[in-house]
Amino acid sequence: MSKSPIYILAIESSCDDTAAAVLKDSKVLSNVVARQEIHEEYGGVVPELASRAHQQNIVPVVDVALKKAGIDKNDLSGIAFTQGPGLMGSLLVGSSFAKSLAMSLQVPLMAVHHMHAHVLAHFIDEEGYDKPEFPFLAMTISGGHTQIIKVNSFFDMEIIGETTDDAVGEAFDKTAKILGLPYPGGPLIDKYAKEGNPKVYQFTKPKVDGLNFSFSGLKTQILYFIQKNVKENPNFIEENKADICASIQNIIIQILMDKIKMAVEETGINQIAIGGGVSANSGIRITLKEAESKYGWKTFVPKFEYTTDNAAMIGIVGYHKYLENKFEDSSVVSKARIEF
């Protein structure tokens, strides 16, 4: 395929955000996300409600993405969509739309692994942002994943460390729930942590072999800590919210950084990229940037809009798949769980 420029329409619907983006080669022309606020009432994502909202949102979101990009659907070179992992009902809405549109336009279809997209979002052309060179280490941190990945090329990646139980994003959100903060609570912990002292309350790090992570024990530790102190002082949380959040965020950052340091030592690779929703956390972003001068690393932190679920990251993987003729036919199926 040598058609130039290459226009890719990308669709992301793995969880509760309906997203569409248009890329011209590796540059983003539009990146549209429709957020579903209904889940806030339930304190978490309700899969059936998410699927219905995707059905309502997908046509207008794609329409807006094309209009913002200033192109017609007939200008598209190919269509990329999230194949998995994610909520099955949500994935089906995106894949069905992508397959139908690709078939009607007679353009190639590219199926994208959601976590590969978080890693490769760093290759979007964005002014002021450098791209890592292969090989590099990527840490994907989100509500469903915590992984350290050795990235050898665009389509050669190896997980060298991952969580044995809960993901880091879940640790943030469950902790926020313990503190009585509304869903999603992770960003609120980050907000309050900025005003607090991270050394006021001490928590112990879980002992996990190798490059793997564990956050379930930390969650239990925080629960017992809060219960004990609230029993002694019913206003404990309200009076110490900033310090509590800062201390919790601090221990989580320490756990992540310890494993990254170990991965650098084991692999000899000192280029570190982060991705996933939790990479929007300001404490993590600052700590990683400080590590450049502290350890001599080269670090890559994505633009804020490419951290949480978005279609631009699906598009950049789709673009590179297009270049390598990695196409799917209409028999391709969505997968809630998918091999990395």
C-alpha atoms as a PDB file:
ATOM      1  CA  MET A   1       0.000   0.000   0.000  1.00  0.00           C
ATOM      2  CA  SER A   2       1.735   3.160  -1.148  1.00  0.00           C
ATOM      3  CA  LYS A   3      -1.211   5.576  -1.205  1.00  0.00           C
ATOM      4  CA  SER A   4      -0.100   8.856   0.365  1.00  0.00           C
ATOM      5  CA  PRO A   5      -1.210  10.494   2.537  1.00  0.00           C
ATOM      6  CA  ILE A   6      -2.809   7.656   4.503  1.00  0.00           C
ATOM      7  CA  TYR A   7      -6.009   8.536   6.349  1.00  0.00           C
ATOM      8  CA  ILE A   8      -7.015   6.167   9.158  1.00  0.00           C
ATOM      9  CA  LEU A   9     -10.330   6.289  11.029  1.00  0.00           C
ATOM     10  CA  ALA A  10      -9.908   4.700  14.458  1.00  0.00           C
ATOM     11  CA  ILE A  11     -12.647   3.519  16.835  1.00  0.00           C
ATOM     12  CA  GLU A  12     -12.199   2.738  20.541  1.00  0.00           C
ATOM     13  CA  SER A  13     -15.053   1.283  22.613  1.00  0.00           C
ATOM     14  CA  SER A  14     -13.433  -1.117  25.076  1.00  0.00           C
ATOM     15  CA  CYS A  15     -15.024   0.244  28.255  1.00  0.00           C
ATOM     16  CA  ASP A  16     -17.263   3.244  28.932  1.00  0.00           C
ATOM     17  CA  ASP A  17     -15.936   5.904  26.527  1.00  0.00           C
ATOM     18  CA  THR A  18     -16.970   6.013  22.871  1.00  0.00           C
ATOM     19  CA  ALA A  19     -14.048   7.435  20.901  1.00  0.00           C
ATOM     20  CA  ALA A  20     -13.183   8.091  17.265  1.00  0.00           C
ATOM     21  CA  ALA A  21     -10.115   9.700  15.722  1.00  0.00           C
ATOM     22  CA  VAL A  22      -8.795  10.479  12.262  1.00  0.00           C
ATOM     23  CA  LEU A  23      -5.056  10.312  11.552  1.00  0.00           C
ATOM     24  CA  LYS A  24      -3.216  11.579   8.501  1.00  0.00           C
ATOM     25  CA  ASP A  25      -0.198   9.275   8.526  1.00  0.00           C
ATOM     26  CA  SER A  26       1.032   9.549  12.146  1.00  0.00           C
ATOM     27  CA  LYS A  27      -0.504  12.982  12.841  1.00  0.00           C
ATOM     28  CA  VAL A  28      -3.838  13.297  14.641  1.00  0.00           C
ATOM     29  CA  LEU A  29      -6.400  15.428  12.786  1.00  0.00           C
ATOM     30  CA  SER A  30      -9.228  14.788  15.264  1.00  0.00           C
ATOM     31  CA  ASN A  31      -9.650  12.881  18.520  1.00  0.00           C
ATOM     32  CA  VAL A  32     -13.226  12.813  19.831  1.00  0.00           C
ATOM     33  CA  VAL A  33     -14.390  11.130  23.052  1.00  0.00           C
ATOM     34  CA  ALA A  34     -17.967  10.846  24.364  1.00  0.00           C
ATOM     35  CA  ARG A  35     -17.806  10.177  28.091  1.00  0.00           C
ATOM     36  CA  GLN A  36     -20.559   8.209  29.834  1.00  0.00           C
ATOM     37  CA  GLU A  37     -21.436   9.901  33.114  1.00  0.00           C
ATOM     38  CA  ILE A  38     -24.272   7.530  34.017  1.00  0.00           C
ATOM     39  CA  HIS A  39     -21.818   5.115  35.705  1.00  0.00           C
ATOM     40  CA  GLU A  40     -20.981   7.652  38.422  1.00  0.00           C
ATOM     41  CA  GLU A  41     -24.371   6.915  40.033  1.00  0.00           C
ATOM     42  CA  TYR A  42     -23.349   3.276  40.501  1.00  0.00           C
ATOM     43  CA  GLY A  43     -19.752   3.760  41.661  1.00  0.00           C
ATOM     44  CA  GLY A  44     -18.357   1.805  38.708  1.00  0.00           C
ATOM     45  CA  VAL A  45     -18.942   0.839  35.094  1.00  0.00           C
ATOM     46  CA  VAL A  46     -22.185  -1.095  34.421  1.00  0.00           C
ATOM     47  CA  PRO A  47     -21.461  -3.173  31.269  1.00  0.00           C
ATOM     48  CA  GLU A  48     -25.042  -3.267  29.939  1.00  0.00           C
ATOM     49  CA  LEU A  49     -25.437   0.516  30.281  1.00  0.00           C
ATOM     50  CA  ALA A  50     -22.049   1.050  28.631  1.00  0.00           C
ATOM     51  CA  SER A  51     -23.061  -1.041  25.592  1.00  0.00           C
ATOM     52  CA  ARG A  52     -26.318   0.878  25.143  1.00  0.00           C
ATOM     53  CA  ALA A  53     -24.539   4.223  25.421  1.00  0.00           C
ATOM     54  CA  HIS A  54     -21.973   3.134  22.801  1.00  0.00           C
ATOM     55  CA  GLN A  55     -24.825   2.335  20.404  1.00  0.00           C
ATOM     56  CA  GLN A  56     -26.239   5.833  20.900  1.00  0.00           C
ATOM     57  CA  ASN A  57     -22.860   7.573  20.636  1.00  0.00           C
ATOM     58  CA  ILE A  58     -20.902   5.822  17.917  1.00  0.00           C
ATOM     59  CA  VAL A  59     -22.498   7.364  14.808  1.00  0.00           C
ATOM     60  CA  PRO A  60     -22.390  10.993  16.054  1.00  0.00           C
ATOM     61  CA  VAL A  61     -18.852  10.556  17.450  1.00  0.00           C
ATOM     62  CA  VAL A  62     -17.514   9.213  14.127  1.00  0.00           C
ATOM     63  CA  ASP A  63     -19.387  11.958  12.270  1.00  0.00           C
ATOM     64  CA  VAL A  64     -17.822  14.681  14.449  1.00  0.00           C
ATOM     65  CA  ALA A  65     -14.340  13.111  14.092  1.00  0.00           C
ATOM     66  CA  LEU A  66     -14.587  13.181  10.278  1.00  0.00           C
ATOM     67  CA  LYS A  67     -15.912  16.752  10.252  1.00  0.00           C
ATOM     68  CA  LYS A  68     -13.204  18.004  12.632  1.00  0.00           C
ATOM     69  CA  ALA A  69     -10.573  16.317  10.463  1.00  0.00           C
ATOM     70  CA  GLY A  70     -12.018  18.064   7.423  1.00  0.00           C
ATOM     71  CA  ILE A  71     -12.297  14.908   5.340  1.00  0.00           C
ATOM     72  CA  ASP A  72     -15.061  12.796   3.820  1.00  0.00           C
ATOM     73  CA  LYS A  73     -15.477   9.108   4.651  1.00  0.00           C
ATOM     74  CA  ASN A  74     -14.574   8.314   1.033  1.00  0.00           C
ATOM     75  CA  ASP A  75     -11.085   9.776   1.653  1.00  0.00           C
ATOM     76  CA  LEU A  76     -10.315   7.065   4.242  1.00  0.00           C
ATOM     77  CA  SER A  77      -7.516   4.606   3.507  1.00  0.00           C
ATOM     78  CA  GLY A  78      -8.422   2.162   6.286  1.00  0.00           C
ATOM     79  CA  ILE A  79     -10.322   1.648   9.531  1.00  0.00           C
ATOM     80  CA  ALA A  80      -8.809   0.540  12.849  1.00  0.00           C
ATOM     81  CA  PHE A  81     -10.776  -0.642  15.875  1.00  0.00           C
ATOM     82  CA  THR A  82     -10.140  -2.054  19.349  1.00  0.00           C
ATOM     83  CA  GLN A  83     -10.445  -5.848  19.235  1.00  0.00           C
ATOM     84  CA  GLY A  84      -9.812  -6.313  22.983  1.00  0.00           C
ATOM     85  CA  PRO A  85      -9.336  -6.612  25.876  1.00  0.00           C
ATOM     86  CA  GLY A  86     -12.405  -4.943  27.349  1.00  0.00           C
ATOM     87  CA  LEU A  87     -16.118  -5.338  28.050  1.00  0.00           C
ATOM     88  CA  MET A  88     -17.565  -7.694  25.445  1.00  0.00           C
ATOM     89  CA  GLY A  89     -20.760  -5.737  24.764  1.00  0.00           C
ATOM     90  CA  SER A  90     -18.827  -2.489  24.389  1.00  0.00           C
ATOM     91  CA  LEU A  91     -16.217  -4.038  22.077  1.00  0.00           C
ATOM     92  CA  LEU A  92     -18.933  -5.510  19.840  1.00  0.00           C
ATOM     93  CA  VAL A  93     -20.458  -2.102  19.154  1.00  0.00           C
ATOM     94  CA  GLY A  94     -17.120  -0.716  17.938  1.00  0.00           C
ATOM     95  CA  SER A  95     -16.083  -3.786  15.951  1.00  0.00           C
ATOM     96  CA  SER A  96     -19.488  -4.182  14.248  1.00  0.00           C
ATOM     97  CA  PHE A  97     -19.464  -0.533  13.173  1.00  0.00           C
ATOM     98  CA  ALA A  98     -15.835  -0.696  11.969  1.00  0.00           C
ATOM     99  CA  LYS A  99     -16.372  -3.919   9.990  1.00  0.00           C
ATOM    100  CA  SER A 100     -19.548  -2.618   8.346  1.00  0.00           C
ATOM    101  CA  LEU A 101     -17.982   0.727   7.394  1.00  0.00           C
ATOM    102  CA  ALA A 102     -14.788  -0.888   6.057  1.00  0.00           C
ATOM    103  CA  MET A 103     -16.858  -3.283   3.979  1.00  0.00           C
ATOM    104  CA  SER A 104     -19.069  -0.526   2.559  1.00  0.00           C
ATOM    105  CA  LEU A 105     -16.074   1.695   1.700  1.00  0.00           C
ATOM    106  CA  GLN A 106     -14.015  -1.301   0.506  1.00  0.00           C
ATOM    107  CA  VAL A 107     -10.988  -0.253   2.592  1.00  0.00           C
ATOM    108  CA  PRO A 108      -8.704  -2.393   4.798  1.00  0.00           C
ATOM    109  CA  LEU A 109      -9.650  -3.230   8.387  1.00  0.00           C
ATOM    110  CA  MET A 110      -7.072  -3.284  11.209  1.00  0.00           C
ATOM    111  CA  ALA A 111      -7.768  -4.954  14.587  1.00  0.00           C
ATOM    112  CA  VAL A 112      -5.852  -3.374  17.473  1.00  0.00           C
ATOM    113  CA  HIS A 113      -4.898  -4.691  20.920  1.00  0.00           C
ATOM    114  CA  HIS A 114      -5.909  -2.008  23.414  1.00  0.00           C
ATOM    115  CA  MET A 115      -2.744  -2.351  25.515  1.00  0.00           C
ATOM    116  CA  HIS A 116      -0.447  -2.254  22.456  1.00  0.00           C
ATOM    117  CA  ALA A 117      -2.121   1.071  21.678  1.00  0.00           C
ATOM    118  CA  HIS A 118      -1.269   2.501  25.122  1.00  0.00           C
ATOM    119  CA  VAL A 119       2.368   1.576  24.467  1.00  0.00           C
ATOM    120  CA  LEU A 120       2.524   2.892  20.900  1.00  0.00           C
ATOM    121  CA  ALA A 121       0.663   6.155  21.596  1.00  0.00           C
ATOM    122  CA  HIS A 122       4.160   7.628  21.988  1.00  0.00           C
ATOM    123  CA  PHE A 123       4.621   7.388  18.202  1.00  0.00           C
ATOM    124  CA  ILE A 124       1.895   9.917  17.420  1.00  0.00           C
ATOM    125  CA  ASP A 125       3.455  13.002  15.824  1.00  0.00           C
ATOM    126  CA  GLU A 126       3.023  15.686  18.465  1.00  0.00           C
ATOM    127  CA  GLU A 127       4.992  18.903  18.735  1.00  0.00           C
ATOM    128  CA  GLY A 128       7.194  18.981  21.837  1.00  0.00           C
ATOM    129  CA  TYR A 129       7.036  15.217  22.413  1.00  0.00           C
ATOM    130  CA  ASP A 130       9.925  12.883  21.579  1.00  0.00           C
ATOM    131  CA  LYS A 131       9.473   9.298  20.429  1.00  0.00           C
ATOM    132  CA  PRO A 132      11.317   6.416  22.106  1.00  0.00           C
ATOM    133  CA  GLU A 133      13.813   4.332  20.140  1.00  0.00           C
ATOM    134  CA  PHE A 134      13.615   0.539  20.097  1.00  0.00           C
ATOM    135  CA  PRO A 135      14.180  -1.276  22.352  1.00  0.00           C
ATOM    136  CA  PHE A 136      12.510   0.539  25.254  1.00  0.00           C
ATOM    137  CA  LEU A 137      10.632  -0.371  28.428  1.00  0.00           C
ATOM    138  CA  ALA A 138       6.971   0.559  28.701  1.00  0.00           C
ATOM    139  CA  MET A 139       4.961   0.597  31.907  1.00  0.00           C
ATOM    140  CA  THR A 140       1.230   0.385  31.249  1.00  0.00           C
ATOM    141  CA  ILE A 141      -0.771   1.499  34.266  1.00  0.00           C
ATOM    142  CA  SER A 142      -4.560   1.590  34.142  1.00  0.00           C
ATOM    143  CA  GLY A 143      -7.729   0.438  35.880  1.00  0.00           C
ATOM    144  CA  GLY A 144      -7.363  -3.057  34.477  1.00  0.00           C
ATOM    145  CA  HIS A 145      -3.623  -3.468  33.858  1.00  0.00           C
ATOM    146  CA  THR A 146      -0.229  -2.963  35.449  1.00  0.00           C
ATOM    147  CA  GLN A 147       2.550  -4.245  33.205  1.00  0.00           C
ATOM    148  CA  ILE A 148       6.209  -3.729  32.391  1.00  0.00           C
ATOM    149  CA  ILE A 149       6.803  -4.463  28.726  1.00  0.00           C
ATOM    150  CA  LYS A 150      10.015  -4.818  26.749  1.00  0.00           C
ATOM    151  CA  VAL A 151       9.250  -3.250  23.378  1.00  0.00           C
ATOM    152  CA  ASN A 152      11.585  -4.473  20.614  1.00  0.00           C
ATOM    153  CA  SER A 153       9.617  -3.111  17.642  1.00  0.00           C
ATOM    154  CA  PHE A 154       6.089  -2.005  16.761  1.00  0.00           C
ATOM    155  CA  PHE A 155       4.795  -5.569  16.789  1.00  0.00           C
ATOM    156  CA  ASP A 156       7.352  -7.361  18.955  1.00  0.00           C
ATOM    157  CA  MET A 157       6.584  -6.829  22.638  1.00  0.00           C
ATOM    158  CA  GLU A 158       7.177  -8.995  25.687  1.00  0.00           C
ATOM    159  CA  ILE A 159       5.586  -8.661  29.141  1.00  0.00           C
ATOM    160  CA  ILE A 160       8.394  -8.991  31.704  1.00  0.00           C
ATOM    161  CA  GLY A 161       6.366  -7.976  34.762  1.00  0.00           C
ATOM    162  CA  GLU A 162       2.677  -7.665  35.638  1.00  0.00           C
ATOM    163  CA  THR A 163       0.260  -7.540  38.549  1.00  0.00           C
ATOM    164  CA  THR A 164      -0.572 -10.823  40.249  1.00  0.00           C
ATOM    165  CA  ASP A 165      -3.928  -9.497  41.466  1.00  0.00           C
ATOM    166  CA  ASP A 166      -5.323  -5.942  41.250  1.00  0.00           C
ATOM    167  CA  ALA A 167      -4.237  -3.235  38.840  1.00  0.00           C
ATOM    168  CA  VAL A 168      -2.831   0.059  40.109  1.00  0.00           C
ATOM    169  CA  GLY A 169      -5.864   1.995  38.860  1.00  0.00           C
ATOM    170  CA  GLU A 170      -8.136  -0.272  40.858  1.00  0.00           C
ATOM    171  CA  ALA A 171      -5.980   0.355  43.943  1.00  0.00           C
ATOM    172  CA  PHE A 172      -6.488   4.109  43.493  1.00  0.00           C
ATOM    173  CA  ASP A 173     -10.246   3.807  42.902  1.00  0.00           C
ATOM    174  CA  LYS A 174     -10.907   1.336  45.744  1.00  0.00           C
ATOM    175  CA  THR A 175      -8.852   3.496  48.113  1.00  0.00           C
ATOM    176  CA  ALA A 176     -10.911   6.509  47.075  1.00  0.00           C
ATOM    177  CA  LYS A 177     -14.079   4.523  47.850  1.00  0.00           C
ATOM    178  CA  ILE A 178     -12.726   3.676  51.323  1.00  0.00           C
ATOM    179  CA  LEU A 179     -12.176   7.429  51.826  1.00  0.00           C
ATOM    180  CA  GLY A 180     -15.738   8.154  50.725  1.00  0.00           C
ATOM    181  CA  LEU A 181     -14.709   9.925  47.494  1.00  0.00           C
ATOM    182  CA  PRO A 182     -17.010   9.645  44.437  1.00  0.00           C
ATOM    183  CA  TYR A 183     -16.244   7.466  41.397  1.00  0.00           C
ATOM    184  CA  PRO A 184     -13.846   7.698  39.612  1.00  0.00           C
ATOM    185  CA  GLY A 185     -11.757   8.455  42.671  1.00  0.00           C
ATOM    186  CA  GLY A 186      -8.204   8.090  41.333  1.00  0.00           C
ATOM    187  CA  PRO A 187      -8.010  11.665  39.968  1.00  0.00           C
ATOM    188  CA  LEU A 188      -9.374  12.995  43.283  1.00  0.00           C
ATOM    189  CA  ILE A 189      -6.609  11.264  45.265  1.00  0.00           C
ATOM    190  CA  ASP A 190      -4.123  12.966  42.922  1.00  0.00           C
ATOM    191  CA  LYS A 191      -5.849  16.329  43.474  1.00  0.00           C
ATOM    192  CA  TYR A 192      -5.826  16.124  47.290  1.00  0.00           C
ATOM    193  CA  ALA A 193      -2.301  14.641  47.352  1.00  0.00           C
ATOM    194  CA  LYS A 194      -0.928  17.884  45.899  1.00  0.00           C
ATOM    195  CA  GLU A 195      -1.929  19.687  49.110  1.00  0.00           C
ATOM    196  CA  GLY A 196      -0.666  17.022  51.533  1.00  0.00           C
ATOM    197  CA  ASN A 197       2.537  15.699  53.097  1.00  0.00           C
ATOM    198  CA  PRO A 198       3.437  12.259  51.659  1.00  0.00           C
ATOM    199  CA  LYS A 199       5.496  11.284  54.724  1.00  0.00           C
ATOM    200  CA  VAL A 200       2.837  11.655  57.418  1.00  0.00           C
ATOM    201  CA  TYR A 201       1.494   8.077  57.200  1.00  0.00           C
ATOM    202  CA  GLN A 202       3.658   5.052  56.488  1.00  0.00           C
ATOM    203  CA  PHE A 203       2.527   1.947  54.603  1.00  0.00           C
ATOM    204  CA  THR A 204       4.565  -1.177  53.924  1.00  0.00           C
ATOM    205  CA  LYS A 205       5.438  -2.295  50.397  1.00  0.00           C
ATOM    206  CA  PRO A 206       4.228  -5.735  49.310  1.00  0.00           C
ATOM    207  CA  LYS A 207       6.953  -8.334  48.841  1.00  0.00           C
ATOM    208  CA  VAL A 208       6.542  -9.683  45.314  1.00  0.00           C
ATOM    209  CA  ASP A 209       9.153 -11.672  43.408  1.00  0.00           C
ATOM    210  CA  GLY A 210      10.827 -10.362  40.274  1.00  0.00           C
ATOM    211  CA  LEU A 211       9.205  -7.612  38.256  1.00  0.00           C
ATOM    212  CA  ASN A 212       5.635  -8.491  39.230  1.00  0.00           C
ATOM    213  CA  PHE A 213       3.281  -6.307  41.271  1.00  0.00           C
ATOM    214  CA  SER A 214       0.597  -6.842  43.904  1.00  0.00           C
ATOM    215  CA  PHE A 215      -1.857  -4.246  45.184  1.00  0.00           C
ATOM    216  CA  SER A 216      -4.523  -6.292  46.994  1.00  0.00           C
ATOM    217  CA  GLY A 217      -2.545  -6.368  50.260  1.00  0.00           C
ATOM    218  CA  LEU A 218      -1.975  -2.613  50.120  1.00  0.00           C
ATOM    219  CA  LYS A 219      -5.713  -2.040  49.686  1.00  0.00           C
ATOM    220  CA  THR A 220      -6.409  -4.165  52.793  1.00  0.00           C
ATOM    221  CA  GLN A 221      -3.694  -2.334  54.716  1.00  0.00           C
ATOM    222  CA  ILE A 222      -5.267   1.037  53.839  1.00  0.00           C
ATOM    223  CA  LEU A 223      -8.762  -0.228  54.776  1.00  0.00           C
ATOM    224  CA  TYR A 224      -7.618  -1.342  58.254  1.00  0.00           C
ATOM    225  CA  PHE A 225      -5.656   1.890  58.726  1.00  0.00           C
ATOM    226  CA  ILE A 226      -8.733   4.004  57.951  1.00  0.00           C
ATOM    227  CA  GLN A 227     -11.095   1.861  60.048  1.00  0.00           C
ATOM    228  CA  LYS A 228      -8.767   2.032  63.079  1.00  0.00           C
ATOM    229  CA  ASN A 229      -8.320   5.796  62.905  1.00  0.00           C
ATOM    230  CA  VAL A 230     -11.980   6.590  62.178  1.00  0.00           C
ATOM    231  CA  LYS A 231     -12.936   4.510  65.250  1.00  0.00           C
ATOM    232  CA  GLU A 232     -10.683   6.749  67.365  1.00  0.00           C
ATOM    233  CA  ASN A 233     -11.710   9.967  65.579  1.00  0.00           C
ATOM    234  CA  PRO A 234     -14.876   9.974  63.411  1.00  0.00           C
ATOM    235  CA  ASN A 235     -13.588  13.088  61.586  1.00  0.00           C
ATOM    236  CA  PHE A 236     -10.168  11.554  60.830  1.00  0.00           C
ATOM    237  CA  ILE A 237     -10.631  11.402  57.048  1.00  0.00           C
ATOM    238  CA  GLU A 238     -11.995  14.927  56.667  1.00  0.00           C
ATOM    239  CA  GLU A 239      -9.349  16.460  58.954  1.00  0.00           C
ATOM    240  CA  ASN A 240      -6.425  14.641  57.279  1.00  0.00           C
ATOM    241  CA  LYS A 241      -7.636  14.023  53.723  1.00  0.00           C
ATOM    242  CA  ALA A 242      -4.716  15.702  51.939  1.00  0.00           C
ATOM    243  CA  ASP A 243      -2.037  13.920  54.007  1.00  0.00           C
ATOM    244  CA  ILE A 244      -3.806  10.551  53.675  1.00  0.00           C
ATOM    245  CA  CYS A 245      -4.038  10.897  49.877  1.00  0.00           C
ATOM    246  CA  ALA A 246      -0.432  12.097  49.597  1.00  0.00           C
ATOM    247  CA  SER A 247       0.842   9.184  51.701  1.00  0.00           C
ATOM    248  CA  ILE A 248      -1.146   6.591  49.738  1.00  0.00           C
ATOM    249  CA  GLN A 249      -0.073   8.050  46.394  1.00  0.00           C
ATOM    250  CA  ASN A 250       3.532   8.106  47.602  1.00  0.00           C
ATOM    251  CA  ILE A 251       3.619   4.385  48.474  1.00  0.00           C
ATOM    252  CA  ILE A 252       2.012   3.451  45.129  1.00  0.00           C
ATOM    253  CA  ILE A 253       4.603   5.526  43.240  1.00  0.00           C
ATOM    254  CA  GLN A 254       7.414   3.898  45.260  1.00  0.00           C
ATOM    255  CA  ILE A 255       6.105   0.411  44.347  1.00  0.00           C
ATOM    256  CA  LEU A 256       6.021   1.301  40.636  1.00  0.00           C
ATOM    257  CA  MET A 257       9.429   2.982  40.637  1.00  0.00           C
ATOM    258  CA  ASP A 258      11.118   0.107  42.493  1.00  0.00           C
ATOM    259  CA  LYS A 259      10.044  -2.337  39.789  1.00  0.00           C
ATOM    260  CA  ILE A 260      11.037  -0.011  36.947  1.00  0.00           C
ATOM    261  CA  LYS A 261      14.505   0.424  38.485  1.00  0.00           C
ATOM    262  CA  MET A 262      14.807  -3.349  38.723  1.00  0.00           C
ATOM    263  CA  ALA A 263      13.711  -3.733  35.075  1.00  0.00           C
ATOM    264  CA  VAL A 264      16.361  -1.223  33.944  1.00  0.00           C
ATOM    265  CA  GLU A 265      19.037  -3.142  35.874  1.00  0.00           C
ATOM    266  CA  GLU A 266      17.938  -6.506  34.437  1.00  0.00           C
ATOM    267  CA  THR A 267      17.570  -5.417  30.790  1.00  0.00           C
ATOM    268  CA  GLY A 268      20.159  -2.647  30.523  1.00  0.00           C
ATOM    269  CA  ILE A 269      17.516  -0.528  28.772  1.00  0.00           C
ATOM    270  CA  ASN A 270      17.217   3.001  30.158  1.00  0.00           C
ATOM    271  CA  GLN A 271      14.456   4.369  27.920  1.00  0.00           C
ATOM    272  CA  ILE A 272      11.208   4.311  29.905  1.00  0.00           C
ATOM    273  CA  ALA A 273       7.754   5.124  28.533  1.00  0.00           C
ATOM    274  CA  ILE A 274       4.490   5.124  30.475  1.00  0.00           C
ATOM    275  CA  GLY A 275       0.938   4.747  29.219  1.00  0.00           C
ATOM    276  CA  GLY A 276      -2.598   4.035  30.377  1.00  0.00           C
ATOM    277  CA  GLY A 277      -5.120   6.027  32.382  1.00  0.00           C
ATOM    278  CA  VAL A 278      -3.055   6.156  35.580  1.00  0.00           C
ATOM    279  CA  SER A 279      -0.161   7.783  33.686  1.00  0.00           C
ATOM    280  CA  ALA A 280      -2.299  10.937  33.888  1.00  0.00           C
ATOM    281  CA  ASN A 281      -1.439  11.017  37.620  1.00  0.00           C
ATOM    282  CA  SER A 282       0.687  14.112  38.263  1.00  0.00           C
ATOM    283  CA  GLY A 283       2.765  12.473  41.009  1.00  0.00           C
ATOM    284  CA  ILE A 284       3.794   9.612  38.734  1.00  0.00           C
ATOM    285  CA  ARG A 285       4.571  11.975  35.849  1.00  0.00           C
ATOM    286  CA  ILE A 286       6.748  14.225  38.041  1.00  0.00           C
ATOM    287  CA  THR A 287       8.589  11.292  39.664  1.00  0.00           C
ATOM    288  CA  LEU A 288       9.368   9.741  36.290  1.00  0.00           C
ATOM    289  CA  LYS A 289      10.690  13.019  34.897  1.00  0.00           C
ATOM    290  CA  GLU A 290      12.878  13.484  38.010  1.00  0.00           C
ATOM    291  CA  ALA A 291      14.328  10.011  37.341  1.00  0.00           C
ATOM    292  CA  GLU A 292      15.927  11.337  34.132  1.00  0.00           C
ATOM    293  CA  SER A 293      18.527  13.357  36.034  1.00  0.00           C
ATOM    294  CA  LYS A 294      18.577  11.045  39.056  1.00  0.00           C
ATOM    295  CA  TYR A 295      19.301   7.798  37.187  1.00  0.00           C
ATOM    296  CA  GLY A 296      20.316   8.976  33.710  1.00  0.00           C
ATOM    297  CA  TRP A 297      17.190   7.585  32.104  1.00  0.00           C
ATOM    298  CA  LYS A 298      15.386   8.942  29.058  1.00  0.00           C
ATOM    299  CA  THR A 299      11.681   9.041  29.948  1.00  0.00           C
ATOM    300  CA  PHE A 300       8.582   9.451  27.801  1.00  0.00           C
ATOM    301  CA  VAL A 301       5.311  10.715  29.250  1.00  0.00           C
ATOM    302  CA  PRO A 302       2.403  10.914  26.781  1.00  0.00           C
ATOM    303  CA  LYS A 303       0.315  13.993  26.127  1.00  0.00           C
ATOM    304  CA  PHE A 304      -2.510  14.046  28.663  1.00  0.00           C
ATOM    305  CA  GLU A 305      -5.274  13.302  26.114  1.00  0.00           C
ATOM    306  CA  TYR A 306      -3.472  10.109  25.018  1.00  0.00           C
ATOM    307  CA  THR A 307      -3.290   8.622  28.528  1.00  0.00           C
ATOM    308  CA  THR A 308      -6.919   7.696  29.171  1.00  0.00           C
ATOM    309  CA  ASP A 309      -8.845   5.596  26.636  1.00  0.00           C
ATOM    310  CA  ASN A 310      -8.887   7.372  23.276  1.00  0.00           C
ATOM    311  CA  ALA A 311      -9.040   6.497  19.586  1.00  0.00           C
ATOM    312  CA  ALA A 312      -5.881   8.351  18.496  1.00  0.00           C
ATOM    313  CA  MET A 313      -3.742   5.622  20.071  1.00  0.00           C
ATOM    314  CA  ILE A 314      -5.789   2.983  18.209  1.00  0.00           C
ATOM    315  CA  GLY A 315      -5.195   4.981  15.038  1.00  0.00           C
ATOM    316  CA  ILE A 316      -1.404   5.071  15.352  1.00  0.00           C
ATOM    317  CA  VAL A 317      -1.301   1.258  15.686  1.00  0.00           C
ATOM    318  CA  GLY A 318      -3.717   1.029  12.754  1.00  0.00           C
ATOM    319  CA  TYR A 319      -1.428   3.244  10.694  1.00  0.00           C
ATOM    320  CA  HIS A 320       1.615   1.034  11.318  1.00  0.00           C
ATOM    321  CA  LYS A 321      -0.454  -2.096  10.627  1.00  0.00           C
ATOM    322  CA  TYR A 322      -1.563  -0.482   7.359  1.00  0.00           C
ATOM    323  CA  LEU A 323       2.066   0.103   6.376  1.00  0.00           C
ATOM    324  CA  GLU A 324       2.821  -3.580   6.983  1.00  0.00           C
ATOM    325  CA  ASN A 325      -0.388  -4.890   5.329  1.00  0.00           C
ATOM    326  CA  LYS A 326      -1.573  -6.416   8.627  1.00  0.00           C
ATOM    327  CA  PHE A 327      -5.267  -6.502   7.672  1.00  0.00           C
ATOM    328  CA  GLU A 328      -8.290  -8.471   8.912  1.00  0.00           C
ATOM    329  CA  ASP A 329     -11.380  -9.692   7.088  1.00  0.00           C
ATOM    330  CA  SER A 330     -14.956  -9.536   8.376  1.00  0.00           C
ATOM    331  CA  SER A 331     -14.543 -12.822  10.294  1.00  0.00           C
ATOM    332  CA  VAL A 332     -12.390 -11.089  12.942  1.00  0.00           C
ATOM    333  CA  VAL A 333     -14.038 -11.237  16.379  1.00  0.00           C
ATOM    334  CA  SER A 334     -13.925  -9.074  19.487  1.00  0.00           C
ATOM    335  CA  LYS A 335     -12.272 -10.636  22.525  1.00  0.00           C
ATOM    336  CA  ALA A 336     -12.882  -9.595  26.135  1.00  0.00           C
ATOM    337  CA  ARG A 337      -9.611 -11.356  27.006  1.00  0.00           C
ATOM    338  CA  ILE A 338      -6.948 -11.394  24.353  1.00  0.00           C
ATOM    339  CA  GLU A 339      -3.408 -12.738  24.253  1.00  0.00           C
ATOM    340  CA  PHE A 340      -0.824  -9.959  24.501  1.00  0.00           C
END
